[in-house]
């Protein structure tokens, strides 16, 4: 917890946790994005986004970049995060590439069942 113990006496637990998570998410996250199957390819595969972005914002950004209306996204070719999950939280738990990026793959149809 480090230096933040000083703020515990001034706020309740919910406020404290909100403070900690907000501080933790205040960063930039490098996304490595790649297509699966017949999905259109992006010319640029790496993007830096705010850690405060929720996963639905990544989806909307990619749908706009690819000019598609439906897209299936996966982290590490493994799972689809909930739309309200924060990019910084996903990065902390699932980073790849030597810990420098969050790998996201996408497809036009469900890729994993």
PDB file of N, CA and C in Angstrom:
ATOM      1  N   UNK A   1       0.827  -1.190   0.000  1.00  0.00           N
ATOM      2  CA  UNK A   1       0.000   0.000   0.000  1.00  0.00           C
ATOM      3  C   UNK A   1       0.866   1.246   0.000  1.00  0.00           C
ATOM      4  N   UNK A   2       2.044   1.164   0.552  1.00  0.00           N
ATOM      5  CA  UNK A   2       2.998   2.266   0.454  1.00  0.00           C
ATOM      6  C   UNK A   2       2.557   3.507   1.196  1.00  0.00           C
ATOM      7  N   UNK A   3       2.749   4.663   0.566  1.00  0.00           N
ATOM      8  CA  UNK A   3       2.476   5.965   1.171  1.00  0.00           C
ATOM      9  C   UNK A   3       0.998   6.232   1.409  1.00  0.00           C
ATOM     10  N   UNK A   4       0.126   5.475   0.805  1.00  0.00           N
ATOM     11  CA  UNK A   4      -1.290   5.793   0.839  1.00  0.00           C
ATOM     12  C   UNK A   4      -1.969   5.511   2.170  1.00  0.00           C
ATOM     13  N   UNK A   5      -1.278   4.924   3.136  1.00  0.00           N
ATOM     14  CA  UNK A   5      -1.891   4.707   4.453  1.00  0.00           C
ATOM     15  C   UNK A   5      -2.314   6.020   5.079  1.00  0.00           C
ATOM     16  N   UNK A   6      -1.660   7.113   4.729  1.00  0.00           N
ATOM     17  CA  UNK A   6      -2.008   8.403   5.312  1.00  0.00           C
ATOM     18  C   UNK A   6      -3.420   8.851   4.944  1.00  0.00           C
ATOM     19  N   UNK A   7      -3.947   8.376   3.815  1.00  0.00           N
ATOM     20  CA  UNK A   7      -5.277   8.807   3.399  1.00  0.00           C
ATOM     21  C   UNK A   7      -6.377   7.931   3.979  1.00  0.00           C
ATOM     22  N   UNK A   8      -6.030   6.775   4.543  1.00  0.00           N
ATOM     23  CA  UNK A   8      -7.044   5.849   5.052  1.00  0.00           C
ATOM     24  C   UNK A   8      -7.866   6.483   6.157  1.00  0.00           C
ATOM     25  N   UNK A   9      -7.250   7.215   7.047  1.00  0.00           N
ATOM     26  CA  UNK A   9      -7.984   7.829   8.138  1.00  0.00           C
ATOM     27  C   UNK A   9      -8.938   8.918   7.688  1.00  0.00           C
ATOM     28  N   UNK A  10      -8.756   9.437   6.491  1.00  0.00           N
ATOM     29  CA  UNK A  10      -9.570  10.539   6.004  1.00  0.00           C
ATOM     30  C   UNK A  10     -10.748  10.084   5.136  1.00  0.00           C
ATOM     31  N   UNK A  11     -10.845   8.807   4.837  1.00  0.00           N
ATOM     32  CA  UNK A  11     -11.911   8.339   3.962  1.00  0.00           C
ATOM     33  C   UNK A  11     -12.345   6.934   4.350  1.00  0.00           C
ATOM     34  N   UNK A  12     -13.526   6.553   3.922  1.00  0.00           N
ATOM     35  CA  UNK A  12     -13.967   5.196   4.197  1.00  0.00           C
ATOM     36  C   UNK A  12     -13.330   4.231   3.193  1.00  0.00           C
ATOM     37  N   UNK A  13     -13.535   2.950   3.373  1.00  0.00           N
ATOM     38  CA  UNK A  13     -12.898   1.932   2.550  1.00  0.00           C
ATOM     39  C   UNK A  13     -13.259   2.078   1.076  1.00  0.00           C
ATOM     40  N   UNK A  14     -14.507   2.353   0.752  1.00  0.00           N
ATOM     41  CA  UNK A  14     -14.909   2.511  -0.653  1.00  0.00           C
ATOM     42  C   UNK A  14     -14.168   3.666  -1.311  1.00  0.00           C
ATOM     43  N   UNK A  15     -14.067   4.768  -0.597  1.00  0.00           N
ATOM     44  CA  UNK A  15     -13.344   5.920  -1.136  1.00  0.00           C
ATOM     45  C   UNK A  15     -11.863   5.586  -1.322  1.00  0.00           C
ATOM     46  N   UNK A  16     -11.309   4.886  -0.347  1.00  0.00           N
ATOM     47  CA  UNK A  16      -9.899   4.520  -0.424  1.00  0.00           C
ATOM     48  C   UNK A  16      -9.629   3.611  -1.626  1.00  0.00           C
ATOM     49  N   UNK A  17     -10.471   2.589  -1.813  1.00  0.00           N
ATOM     50  CA  UNK A  17     -10.288   1.675  -2.945  1.00  0.00           C
ATOM     51  C   UNK A  17     -10.449   2.415  -4.273  1.00  0.00           C
ATOM     52  N   UNK A  18     -11.423   3.306  -4.343  1.00  0.00           N
ATOM     53  CA  UNK A  18     -11.600   4.110  -5.555  1.00  0.00           C
ATOM     54  C   UNK A  18     -10.334   4.925  -5.833  1.00  0.00           C
ATOM     55  N   UNK A  19      -9.784   5.532  -4.802  1.00  0.00           N
ATOM     56  CA  UNK A  19      -8.549   6.314  -4.922  1.00  0.00           C
ATOM     57  C   UNK A  19      -7.404   5.445  -5.445  1.00  0.00           C
ATOM     58  N   UNK A  20      -7.234   4.254  -4.866  1.00  0.00           N
ATOM     59  CA  UNK A  20      -6.142   3.349  -5.261  1.00  0.00           C
ATOM     60  C   UNK A  20      -6.288   2.883  -6.707  1.00  0.00           C
ATOM     61  N   UNK A  21      -7.499   2.468  -7.097  1.00  0.00           N
ATOM     62  CA  UNK A  21      -7.702   1.980  -8.460  1.00  0.00           C
ATOM     63  C   UNK A  21      -7.568   3.099  -9.477  1.00  0.00           C
ATOM     64  N   UNK A  22      -8.065   4.277  -9.145  1.00  0.00           N
ATOM     65  CA  UNK A  22      -7.918   5.415 -10.046  1.00  0.00           C
ATOM     66  C   UNK A  22      -6.449   5.729 -10.263  1.00  0.00           C
ATOM     67  N   UNK A  23      -5.682   5.709  -9.198  1.00  0.00           N
ATOM     68  CA  UNK A  23      -4.249   5.977  -9.293  1.00  0.00           C
ATOM     69  C   UNK A  23      -3.533   4.896 -10.112  1.00  0.00           C
ATOM     70  N   UNK A  24      -3.932   3.648  -9.906  1.00  0.00           N
ATOM     71  CA  UNK A  24      -3.307   2.520 -10.615  1.00  0.00           C
ATOM     72  C   UNK A  24      -3.621   2.551 -12.107  1.00  0.00           C
ATOM     73  N   UNK A  25      -4.795   3.034 -12.468  1.00  0.00           N
ATOM     74  CA  UNK A  25      -5.215   3.064 -13.872  1.00  0.00           C
ATOM     75  C   UNK A  25      -4.728   4.298 -14.616  1.00  0.00           C
ATOM     76  N   UNK A  26      -4.089   5.219 -13.932  1.00  0.00           N
ATOM     77  CA  UNK A  26      -3.592   6.445 -14.547  1.00  0.00           C
ATOM     78  C   UNK A  26      -2.268   6.156 -15.248  1.00  0.00           C
ATOM     79  N   UNK A  27      -2.362   5.518 -16.419  1.00  0.00           N
ATOM     80  CA  UNK A  27      -1.166   5.140 -17.173  1.00  0.00           C
ATOM     81  C   UNK A  27      -1.550   4.947 -18.630  1.00  0.00           C
ATOM     82  N   UNK A  28      -0.570   4.735 -19.461  1.00  0.00           N
ATOM     83  CA  UNK A  28      -0.785   4.373 -20.861  1.00  0.00           C
ATOM     84  C   UNK A  28      -0.504   2.883 -20.994  1.00  0.00           C
ATOM     85  N   UNK A  29      -1.277   2.211 -21.844  1.00  0.00           N
ATOM     86  CA  UNK A  29      -1.104   0.776 -22.075  1.00  0.00           C
ATOM     87  C   UNK A  29      -0.891   0.556 -23.566  1.00  0.00           C
ATOM     88  N   UNK A  30       0.144  -0.217 -23.889  1.00  0.00           N
ATOM     89  CA  UNK A  30       0.412  -0.574 -25.275  1.00  0.00           C
ATOM     90  C   UNK A  30      -0.407  -1.810 -25.623  1.00  0.00           C
ATOM     91  N   UNK A  31      -1.226  -1.684 -26.664  1.00  0.00           N
ATOM     92  CA  UNK A  31      -2.014  -2.808 -27.159  1.00  0.00           C
ATOM     93  C   UNK A  31      -1.347  -3.350 -28.415  1.00  0.00           C
ATOM     94  N   UNK A  32      -1.209  -4.662 -28.496  1.00  0.00           N
ATOM     95  CA  UNK A  32      -0.782  -5.317 -29.726  1.00  0.00           C
ATOM     96  C   UNK A  32      -2.018  -6.020 -30.268  1.00  0.00           C
ATOM     97  N   UNK A  33      -2.474  -5.600 -31.439  1.00  0.00           N
ATOM     98  CA  UNK A  33      -3.747  -6.054 -31.987  1.00  0.00           C
ATOM     99  C   UNK A  33      -3.491  -6.843 -33.268  1.00  0.00           C
ATOM    100  N   UNK A  34      -4.119  -8.019 -33.373  1.00  0.00           N
ATOM    101  CA  UNK A  34      -3.928  -8.852 -34.558  1.00  0.00           C
ATOM    102  C   UNK A  34      -5.242  -9.522 -34.938  1.00  0.00           C
ATOM    103  N   UNK A  35      -5.411  -9.793 -36.226  1.00  0.00           N
ATOM    104  CA  UNK A  35      -6.631 -10.401 -36.749  1.00  0.00           C
ATOM    105  C   UNK A  35      -6.568 -11.918 -36.667  1.00  0.00           C
ATOM    106  N   UNK A  36      -7.751 -12.528 -36.574  1.00  0.00           N
ATOM    107  CA  UNK A  36      -7.896 -13.978 -36.625  1.00  0.00           C
ATOM    108  C   UNK A  36      -8.748 -14.294 -37.851  1.00  0.00           C
ATOM    109  N   UNK A  37      -8.387 -15.323 -38.582  1.00  0.00           N
ATOM    110  CA  UNK A  37      -9.191 -15.781 -39.711  1.00  0.00           C
ATOM    111  C   UNK A  37      -9.313 -14.750 -40.811  1.00  0.00           C
ATOM    112  N   UNK A  38     -10.538 -14.554 -41.303  1.00  0.00           N
ATOM    113  CA  UNK A  38     -10.787 -13.684 -42.452  1.00  0.00           C
ATOM    114  C   UNK A  38     -11.019 -12.228 -42.063  1.00  0.00           C
ATOM    115  N   UNK A  39     -10.804 -11.868 -40.817  1.00  0.00           N
ATOM    116  CA  UNK A  39     -11.005 -10.474 -40.394  1.00  0.00           C
ATOM    117  C   UNK A  39     -10.029  -9.566 -41.133  1.00  0.00           C
ATOM    118  N   UNK A  40     -10.456  -8.360 -41.479  1.00  0.00           N
ATOM    119  CA  UNK A  40      -9.547  -7.425 -42.151  1.00  0.00           C
ATOM    120  C   UNK A  40      -8.358  -7.088 -41.252  1.00  0.00           C
ATOM    121  N   UNK A  41      -7.222  -6.873 -41.872  1.00  0.00           N
ATOM    122  CA  UNK A  41      -5.987  -6.584 -41.140  1.00  0.00           C
ATOM    123  C   UNK A  41      -5.813  -5.070 -40.975  1.00  0.00           C
ATOM    124  N   UNK A  42      -5.273  -4.693 -39.860  1.00  0.00           N
ATOM    125  CA  UNK A  42      -4.899  -3.291 -39.634  1.00  0.00           C
ATOM    126  C   UNK A  42      -3.467  -3.079 -40.100  1.00  0.00           C
ATOM    127  N   UNK A  43      -3.197  -1.928 -40.688  1.00  0.00           N
ATOM    128  CA  UNK A  43      -1.812  -1.621 -41.088  1.00  0.00           C
ATOM    129  C   UNK A  43      -0.948  -1.408 -39.850  1.00  0.00           C
ATOM    130  N   UNK A  44      -1.513  -0.747 -38.869  1.00  0.00           N
ATOM    131  CA  UNK A  44      -0.803  -0.502 -37.610  1.00  0.00           C
ATOM    132  C   UNK A  44      -1.324  -1.503 -36.586  1.00  0.00           C
ATOM    133  N   UNK A  45      -0.420  -2.248 -35.957  1.00  0.00           N
ATOM    134  CA  UNK A  45      -0.832  -3.278 -35.003  1.00  0.00           C
ATOM    135  C   UNK A  45      -0.625  -2.876 -33.550  1.00  0.00           C
ATOM    136  N   UNK A  46       0.083  -1.805 -33.314  1.00  0.00           N
ATOM    137  CA  UNK A  46       0.330  -1.363 -31.939  1.00  0.00           C
ATOM    138  C   UNK A  46      -0.311  -0.008 -31.708  1.00  0.00           C
ATOM    139  N   UNK A  47      -1.012   0.087 -30.583  1.00  0.00           N
ATOM    140  CA  UNK A  47      -1.684   1.323 -30.204  1.00  0.00           C
ATOM    141  C   UNK A  47      -1.452   1.569 -28.717  1.00  0.00           C
ATOM    142  N   UNK A  48      -1.248   2.815 -28.361  1.00  0.00           N
ATOM    143  CA  UNK A  48      -1.122   3.183 -26.956  1.00  0.00           C
ATOM    144  C   UNK A  48      -2.408   3.888 -26.549  1.00  0.00           C
ATOM    145  N   UNK A  49      -3.066   3.348 -25.517  1.00  0.00           N
ATOM    146  CA  UNK A  49      -4.329   3.916 -25.049  1.00  0.00           C
ATOM    147  C   UNK A  49      -4.252   4.208 -23.558  1.00  0.00           C
ATOM    148  N   UNK A  50      -5.189   4.999 -23.077  1.00  0.00           N
ATOM    149  CA  UNK A  50      -5.256   5.292 -21.650  1.00  0.00           C
ATOM    150  C   UNK A  50      -5.682   4.053 -20.870  1.00  0.00           C
ATOM    151  N   UNK A  51      -5.061   3.841 -19.734  1.00  0.00           N
ATOM    152  CA  UNK A  51      -5.422   2.729 -18.866  1.00  0.00           C
ATOM    153  C   UNK A  51      -6.821   2.867 -18.304  1.00  0.00           C
ATOM    154  N   UNK A  52      -7.365   4.087 -18.345  1.00  0.00           N
ATOM    155  CA  UNK A  52      -8.721   4.318 -17.849  1.00  0.00           C
ATOM    156  C   UNK A  52      -9.795   3.913 -18.862  1.00  0.00           C
ATOM    157  N   UNK A  53      -9.365   3.559 -20.077  1.00  0.00           N
ATOM    158  CA  UNK A  53     -10.335   3.083 -21.059  1.00  0.00           C
ATOM    159  C   UNK A  53     -10.954   1.792 -20.568  1.00  0.00           C
ATOM    160  N   UNK A  54     -12.246   1.657 -20.809  1.00  0.00           N
ATOM    161  CA  UNK A  54     -12.895   0.377 -20.569  1.00  0.00           C
ATOM    162  C   UNK A  54     -12.832  -0.425 -21.865  1.00  0.00           C
ATOM    163  N   UNK A  55     -12.973  -1.753 -21.739  1.00  0.00           N
ATOM    164  CA  UNK A  55     -12.752  -2.609 -22.895  1.00  0.00           C
ATOM    165  C   UNK A  55     -13.720  -2.306 -24.037  1.00  0.00           C
ATOM    166  N   UNK A  56     -14.925  -1.858 -23.739  1.00  0.00           N
ATOM    167  CA  UNK A  56     -15.863  -1.519 -24.816  1.00  0.00           C
ATOM    168  C   UNK A  56     -15.339  -0.365 -25.660  1.00  0.00           C
ATOM    169  N   UNK A  57     -14.511   0.509 -25.078  1.00  0.00           N
ATOM    170  CA  UNK A  57     -13.927   1.605 -25.844  1.00  0.00           C
ATOM    171  C   UNK A  57     -12.889   1.084 -26.827  1.00  0.00           C
ATOM    172  N   UNK A  58     -12.145   0.059 -26.447  1.00  0.00           N
ATOM    173  CA  UNK A  58     -11.204  -0.587 -27.366  1.00  0.00           C
ATOM    174  C   UNK A  58     -11.988  -1.197 -28.522  1.00  0.00           C
ATOM    175  N   UNK A  59     -13.082  -1.883 -28.190  1.00  0.00           N
ATOM    176  CA  UNK A  59     -13.914  -2.502 -29.227  1.00  0.00           C
ATOM    177  C   UNK A  59     -14.457  -1.453 -30.199  1.00  0.00           C
ATOM    178  N   UNK A  60     -14.983  -0.354 -29.680  1.00  0.00           N
ATOM    179  CA  UNK A  60     -15.525   0.707 -30.548  1.00  0.00           C
ATOM    180  C   UNK A  60     -14.428   1.327 -31.409  1.00  0.00           C
ATOM    181  N   UNK A  61     -13.259   1.534 -30.838  1.00  0.00           N
ATOM    182  CA  UNK A  61     -12.123   2.082 -31.586  1.00  0.00           C
ATOM    183  C   UNK A  61     -11.752   1.152 -32.739  1.00  0.00           C
ATOM    184  N   UNK A  62     -11.653  -0.148 -32.473  1.00  0.00           N
ATOM    185  CA  UNK A  62     -11.278  -1.098 -33.510  1.00  0.00           C
ATOM    186  C   UNK A  62     -12.374  -1.246 -34.563  1.00  0.00           C
ATOM    187  N   UNK A  63     -13.646  -1.267 -34.146  1.00  0.00           N
ATOM    188  CA  UNK A  63     -14.736  -1.347 -35.118  1.00  0.00           C
ATOM    189  C   UNK A  63     -14.715  -0.135 -36.047  1.00  0.00           C
ATOM    190  N   UNK A  64     -14.433   1.033 -35.498  1.00  0.00           N
ATOM    191  CA  UNK A  64     -14.341   2.233 -36.329  1.00  0.00           C
ATOM    192  C   UNK A  64     -13.142   2.183 -37.272  1.00  0.00           C
ATOM    193  N   UNK A  65     -12.010   1.711 -36.774  1.00  0.00           N
ATOM    194  CA  UNK A  65     -10.801   1.617 -37.604  1.00  0.00           C
ATOM    195  C   UNK A  65     -10.973   0.607 -38.733  1.00  0.00           C
ATOM    196  N   UNK A  66     -11.687  -0.474 -38.443  1.00  0.00           N
ATOM    197  CA  UNK A  66     -11.887  -1.537 -39.438  1.00  0.00           C
ATOM    198  C   UNK A  66     -13.147  -1.335 -40.273  1.00  0.00           C
ATOM    199  N   UNK A  67     -13.986  -0.362 -39.878  1.00  0.00           N
ATOM    200  CA  UNK A  67     -15.252  -0.083 -40.563  1.00  0.00           C
ATOM    201  C   UNK A  67     -16.151  -1.322 -40.597  1.00  0.00           C
ATOM    202  N   UNK A  68     -16.318  -1.931 -39.426  1.00  0.00           N
ATOM    203  CA  UNK A  68     -17.215  -3.079 -39.273  1.00  0.00           C
ATOM    204  C   UNK A  68     -18.185  -2.779 -38.127  1.00  0.00           C
ATOM    205  N   UNK A  69     -19.295  -3.499 -38.095  1.00  0.00           N
ATOM    206  CA  UNK A  69     -20.287  -3.271 -37.048  1.00  0.00           C
ATOM    207  C   UNK A  69     -20.236  -4.316 -35.943  1.00  0.00           C
ATOM    208  N   UNK A  70     -19.656  -5.471 -36.216  1.00  0.00           N
ATOM    209  CA  UNK A  70     -19.562  -6.548 -35.218  1.00  0.00           C
ATOM    210  C   UNK A  70     -18.132  -7.058 -35.179  1.00  0.00           C
ATOM    211  N   UNK A  71     -17.618  -7.243 -33.966  1.00  0.00           N
ATOM    212  CA  UNK A  71     -16.247  -7.701 -33.798  1.00  0.00           C
ATOM    213  C   UNK A  71     -16.160  -8.512 -32.514  1.00  0.00           C
ATOM    214  N   UNK A  72     -15.437  -9.598 -32.554  1.00  0.00           N
ATOM    215  CA  UNK A  72     -15.198 -10.433 -31.376  1.00  0.00           C
ATOM    216  C   UNK A  72     -13.752 -10.225 -30.961  1.00  0.00           C
ATOM    217  N   UNK A  73     -13.547  -9.824 -29.710  1.00  0.00           N
ATOM    218  CA  UNK A  73     -12.202  -9.527 -29.209  1.00  0.00           C
ATOM    219  C   UNK A  73     -11.799 -10.523 -28.142  1.00  0.00           C
ATOM    220  N   UNK A  74     -10.511 -10.845 -28.132  1.00  0.00           N
ATOM    221  CA  UNK A  74      -9.960 -11.799 -27.164  1.00  0.00           C
ATOM    222  C   UNK A  74      -8.640 -11.259 -26.617  1.00  0.00           C
ATOM    223  N   UNK A  75      -8.398 -11.511 -25.362  1.00  0.00           N
ATOM    224  CA  UNK A  75      -7.108 -11.181 -24.751  1.00  0.00           C
ATOM    225  C   UNK A  75      -6.280 -12.458 -24.726  1.00  0.00           C
ATOM    226  N   UNK A  76      -5.079 -12.376 -25.268  1.00  0.00           N
ATOM    227  CA  UNK A  76      -4.149 -13.515 -25.324  1.00  0.00           C
ATOM    228  C   UNK A  76      -4.762 -14.752 -25.988  1.00  0.00           C
ATOM    229  N   UNK A  77      -5.628 -14.540 -26.990  1.00  0.00           N
ATOM    230  CA  UNK A  77      -6.293 -15.659 -27.680  1.00  0.00           C
ATOM    231  C   UNK A  77      -6.994 -16.586 -26.707  1.00  0.00           C
ATOM    232  N   UNK A  78      -7.462 -16.048 -25.593  1.00  0.00           N
ATOM    233  CA  UNK A  78      -7.964 -16.911 -24.533  1.00  0.00           C
ATOM    234  C   UNK A  78      -9.378 -16.575 -24.085  1.00  0.00           C
ATOM    235  N   UNK A  79      -9.672 -15.315 -23.825  1.00  0.00           N
ATOM    236  CA  UNK A  79     -10.984 -14.964 -23.286  1.00  0.00           C
ATOM    237  C   UNK A  79     -11.412 -13.585 -23.764  1.00  0.00           C
ATOM    238  N   UNK A  80     -12.709 -13.357 -23.714  1.00  0.00           N
ATOM    239  CA  UNK A  80     -13.285 -12.051 -24.041  1.00  0.00           C
ATOM    240  C   UNK A  80     -13.611 -11.333 -22.734  1.00  0.00           C
ATOM    241  N   UNK A  81     -12.944 -10.233 -22.461  1.00  0.00           N
ATOM    242  CA  UNK A  81     -13.232  -9.495 -21.223  1.00  0.00           C
ATOM    243  C   UNK A  81     -14.636  -8.892 -21.241  1.00  0.00           C
ATOM    244  N   UNK A  82     -15.141  -8.599 -20.076  1.00  0.00           N
ATOM    245  CA  UNK A  82     -16.401  -7.878 -19.961  1.00  0.00           C
ATOM    246  C   UNK A  82     -16.211  -6.462 -20.500  1.00  0.00           C
ATOM    247  N   UNK A  83     -17.236  -5.873 -21.098  1.00  0.00           N
ATOM    248  CA  UNK A  83     -17.101  -4.531 -21.669  1.00  0.00           C
ATOM    249  C   UNK A  83     -16.664  -3.471 -20.666  1.00  0.00           C
ATOM    250  N   UNK A  84     -17.035  -3.631 -19.391  1.00  0.00           N
ATOM    251  CA  UNK A  84     -16.709  -2.597 -18.399  1.00  0.00           C
ATOM    252  C   UNK A  84     -15.343  -2.788 -17.735  1.00  0.00           C
ATOM    253  N   UNK A  85     -14.601  -3.801 -18.120  1.00  0.00           N
ATOM    254  CA  UNK A  85     -13.274  -3.984 -17.525  1.00  0.00           C
ATOM    255  C   UNK A  85     -12.325  -2.905 -18.031  1.00  0.00           C
ATOM    256  N   UNK A  86     -11.418  -2.486 -17.155  1.00  0.00           N
ATOM    257  CA  UNK A  86     -10.467  -1.430 -17.499  1.00  0.00           C
ATOM    258  C   UNK A  86      -9.231  -2.017 -18.160  1.00  0.00           C
ATOM    259  N   UNK A  87      -8.735  -1.308 -19.171  1.00  0.00           N
ATOM    260  CA  UNK A  87      -7.562  -1.756 -19.916  1.00  0.00           C
ATOM    261  C   UNK A  87      -6.355  -1.905 -18.986  1.00  0.00           C
ATOM    262  N   UNK A  88      -6.156  -0.989 -18.062  1.00  0.00           N
ATOM    263  CA  UNK A  88      -5.021  -1.074 -17.140  1.00  0.00           C
ATOM    264  C   UNK A  88      -5.098  -2.325 -16.271  1.00  0.00           C
ATOM    265  N   UNK A  89      -6.300  -2.682 -15.824  1.00  0.00           N
ATOM    266  CA  UNK A  89      -6.461  -3.885 -15.006  1.00  0.00           C
ATOM    267  C   UNK A  89      -6.149  -5.137 -15.825  1.00  0.00           C
ATOM    268  N   UNK A  90      -6.641  -5.182 -17.061  1.00  0.00           N
ATOM    269  CA  UNK A  90      -6.350  -6.318 -17.939  1.00  0.00           C
ATOM    270  C   UNK A  90      -4.856  -6.418 -18.210  1.00  0.00           C
ATOM    271  N   UNK A  91      -4.227  -5.276 -18.432  1.00  0.00           N
ATOM    272  CA  UNK A  91      -2.782  -5.254 -18.672  1.00  0.00           C
ATOM    273  C   UNK A  91      -2.018  -5.804 -17.466  1.00  0.00           C
ATOM    274  N   UNK A  92      -2.386  -5.374 -16.270  1.00  0.00           N
ATOM    275  CA  UNK A  92      -1.689  -5.834 -15.071  1.00  0.00           C
ATOM    276  C   UNK A  92      -1.789  -7.349 -14.896  1.00  0.00           C
ATOM    277  N   UNK A  93      -2.909  -7.920 -15.278  1.00  0.00           N
ATOM    278  CA  UNK A  93      -3.140  -9.354 -15.072  1.00  0.00           C
ATOM    279  C   UNK A  93      -2.725 -10.225 -16.260  1.00  0.00           C
ATOM    280  N   UNK A  94      -2.711  -9.668 -17.470  1.00  0.00           N
ATOM    281  CA  UNK A  94      -2.544 -10.499 -18.662  1.00  0.00           C
ATOM    282  C   UNK A  94      -1.526  -9.953 -19.644  1.00  0.00           C
ATOM    283  N   UNK A  95      -0.569  -9.165 -19.209  1.00  0.00           N
ATOM    284  CA  UNK A  95       0.406  -8.590 -20.140  1.00  0.00           C
ATOM    285  C   UNK A  95       1.257  -9.682 -20.775  1.00  0.00           C
ATOM    286  N   UNK A  96       1.712  -9.397 -21.983  1.00  0.00           N
ATOM    287  CA  UNK A  96       2.540 -10.344 -22.722  1.00  0.00           C
ATOM    288  C   UNK A  96       3.679  -9.574 -23.385  1.00  0.00           C
ATOM    289  N   UNK A  97       4.442 -10.242 -24.222  1.00  0.00           N
ATOM    290  CA  UNK A  97       5.545  -9.570 -24.906  1.00  0.00           C
ATOM    291  C   UNK A  97       6.581  -9.062 -23.940  1.00  0.00           C
ATOM    292  N   UNK A  98       6.946  -9.891 -22.959  1.00  0.00           N
ATOM    293  CA  UNK A  98       7.912  -9.457 -21.957  1.00  0.00           C
ATOM    294  C   UNK A  98       7.324  -8.462 -20.979  1.00  0.00           C
ATOM    295  N   UNK A  99       6.011  -8.440 -20.865  1.00  0.00           N
ATOM    296  CA  UNK A  99       5.347  -7.547 -19.917  1.00  0.00           C
ATOM    297  C   UNK A  99       5.148  -6.139 -20.418  1.00  0.00           C
ATOM    298  N   UNK A 100       5.335  -5.925 -21.730  1.00  0.00           N
ATOM    299  CA  UNK A 100       5.272  -4.574 -22.262  1.00  0.00           C
ATOM    300  C   UNK A 100       3.959  -4.231 -22.960  1.00  0.00           C
ATOM    301  N   UNK A 101       3.105  -5.234 -23.214  1.00  0.00           N
ATOM    302  CA  UNK A 101       1.900  -4.951 -23.986  1.00  0.00           C
ATOM    303  C   UNK A 101       0.775  -5.908 -23.620  1.00  0.00           C
ATOM    304  N   UNK A 102      -0.420  -5.523 -24.020  1.00  0.00           N
ATOM    305  CA  UNK A 102      -1.601  -6.362 -23.861  1.00  0.00           C
ATOM    306  C   UNK A 102      -1.968  -6.863 -25.252  1.00  0.00           C
ATOM    307  N   UNK A 103      -1.952  -8.181 -25.456  1.00  0.00           N
ATOM    308  CA  UNK A 103      -2.236  -8.778 -26.761  1.00  0.00           C
ATOM    309  C   UNK A 103      -3.733  -8.971 -26.934  1.00  0.00           C
ATOM    310  N   UNK A 104      -4.268  -8.378 -27.992  1.00  0.00           N
ATOM    311  CA  UNK A 104      -5.691  -8.485 -28.311  1.00  0.00           C
ATOM    312  C   UNK A 104      -5.823  -9.001 -29.738  1.00  0.00           C
ATOM    313  N   UNK A 105      -6.619 -10.054 -29.897  1.00  0.00           N
ATOM    314  CA  UNK A 105      -6.929 -10.548 -31.230  1.00  0.00           C
ATOM    315  C   UNK A 105      -8.405 -10.304 -31.488  1.00  0.00           C
ATOM    316  N   UNK A 106      -8.754 -10.234 -32.770  1.00  0.00           N
ATOM    317  CA  UNK A 106     -10.135  -9.958 -33.132  1.00  0.00           C
ATOM    318  C   UNK A 106     -10.542 -10.790 -34.341  1.00  0.00           C
ATOM    319  N   UNK A 107     -11.841 -11.042 -34.430  1.00  0.00           N
ATOM    320  CA  UNK A 107     -12.386 -11.770 -35.573  1.00  0.00           C
ATOM    321  C   UNK A 107     -13.797 -11.275 -35.856  1.00  0.00           C
ATOM    322  N   UNK A 108     -14.290 -11.620 -37.037  1.00  0.00           N
ATOM    323  CA  UNK A 108     -15.639 -11.234 -37.423  1.00  0.00           C
ATOM    324  C   UNK A 108     -16.683 -12.222 -36.950  1.00  0.00           C
ATOM    325  N   UNK A 109     -16.244 -13.414 -36.589  1.00  0.00           N
ATOM    326  CA  UNK A 109     -17.100 -14.469 -36.067  1.00  0.00           C
ATOM    327  C   UNK A 109     -16.469 -15.006 -34.791  1.00  0.00           C
ATOM    328  N   UNK A 110     -17.240 -15.664 -33.945  1.00  0.00           N
ATOM    329  CA  UNK A 110     -16.631 -16.243 -32.744  1.00  0.00           C
ATOM    330  C   UNK A 110     -15.488 -17.188 -33.133  1.00  0.00           C
ATOM    331  N   UNK A 111     -14.337 -16.989 -32.535  1.00  0.00           N
ATOM    332  CA  UNK A 111     -13.158 -17.763 -32.910  1.00  0.00           C
ATOM    333  C   UNK A 111     -12.918 -18.938 -31.988  1.00  0.00           C
ATOM    334  N   UNK A 112     -13.393 -18.849 -30.787  1.00  0.00           N
ATOM    335  CA  UNK A 112     -13.152 -19.904 -29.797  1.00  0.00           C
ATOM    336  C   UNK A 112     -14.487 -20.290 -29.166  1.00  0.00           C
ATOM    337  N   UNK A 113     -14.698 -21.581 -29.008  1.00  0.00           N
ATOM    338  CA  UNK A 113     -15.952 -22.020 -28.400  1.00  0.00           C
ATOM    339  C   UNK A 113     -15.689 -22.814 -27.139  1.00  0.00           C
TER     340      UNK A 113
END
